[in-house]
Amino acid sequence: MQANHQKIVVLGTGGTIAGESESADEGLAYKAAQRGIGELLKSASSTQLPWPEVLAACQFESEQVAQLDSRDMDFETWIRLAQRCDHWLAQDDVAALVVTHGTDTLEETAYFLSQVIKHSKPIVLTCAMRPANFKDADGPQNLRDALLVAATTKGPGVWLVAAGEIHHSQFVQKVHPTRLNAFDSGETGAAGSVQKDKVQWFENFPKPLPNLRLHVSHLPFAAQWPWVEIVMNHVNSSHQHADALVNAGVQGLVIAGTGNGSVSSKMKESLVRAQIAKVQIRLSSRCNQGAVIPTSSHVFEAKGALSPAKTRVALLLDIMSERQSH
């Protein structure tokens, strides 16, 4: 446990956790991003259990960075969020950050923050699968758990806390459209759990080393970010999709390959042409577990076990970093 009277800053970006439906019985049809972060903080402190001692010793400050449905998350908001994270973590009296976010693109935002923020303090994201006014809303408990993790965790790292589980930003993916425990970390598994205000870290969790691809201070304006898209291999996949993107000026392509990153012959020919045309290509797999293992038949670069969406984030940042080094 860290010293008493530490400050935890909570940044709001919208999402289902801040959403409202027409009635307390409607959990699927709702409008996201309706409640402010101050109201969400109040709801987290009014759950059934007494406010835990470790949180009673904390000071909280909140800031509304954005108010949107995370399906509409964009580069401008990413830049703003990263800048505010960097600002707050640089304050000596701030021990940790909590970020509320929609579930749809949370894994991309979490991974992005892990690649552009360099501080010795944790960032904990949380979310909800049910709107704030639902009779059994999960947001208040998730936020309470996230605050507990933030208050008791030392060292760098970007984490997700939801449904009583702690996941690392490098591994976590949304794997279910509606259930409360919608997130999973595949073969790696969760990093820990939060049950009845008790945080438990799993001893066998292999915590990755922090990685910085491009510092937040070097991020260009959103309009200057490269154009990177994802193409998927599937039955009867053709060359037309990739060809059209290359002809339109795409600068990077991520392949969501089948199995161990396999690509149809027609698509492979198109992607080889794209690579010759200086389009950067990265290979990933449609499978939601396991890394692509390079073999002699692979002609495109595969790095790590990142999902296609996170591979796209990595490629975006790598292209921007390369531009600045030239």
Foldseek 3Di string as FASTA:
>chain_A
DDDFAFEEEEEEAKAQQAWDDPALADFQDTAIQPHDPVVLQVLLCPDDDHQDPLVVRYHYHYDYLHGHHQVPDAPQSLLSVLVVLQVQLPDPRHQEYEYEHHQPCVLQSLLLSLAAHDHFHEYEYEYWLGHNSHPPTQSSNQVSQSVLCRSPDTTYFYWYTFPFFIAGSQFKDQCDNHDRCRIFRAPQTTQWGADPSDTGGDPPRDDDDRHYLHHSVLDDPRVPFAAEEEDEADVPDALVVLQVCVVVPHQEYEYAYEDLQDHDPRNVVNVVVSVVVNRAYETAHPDSHDFRDDDPPDDHHYDDHGHSSNVRSSVRSNVSSVVVVD
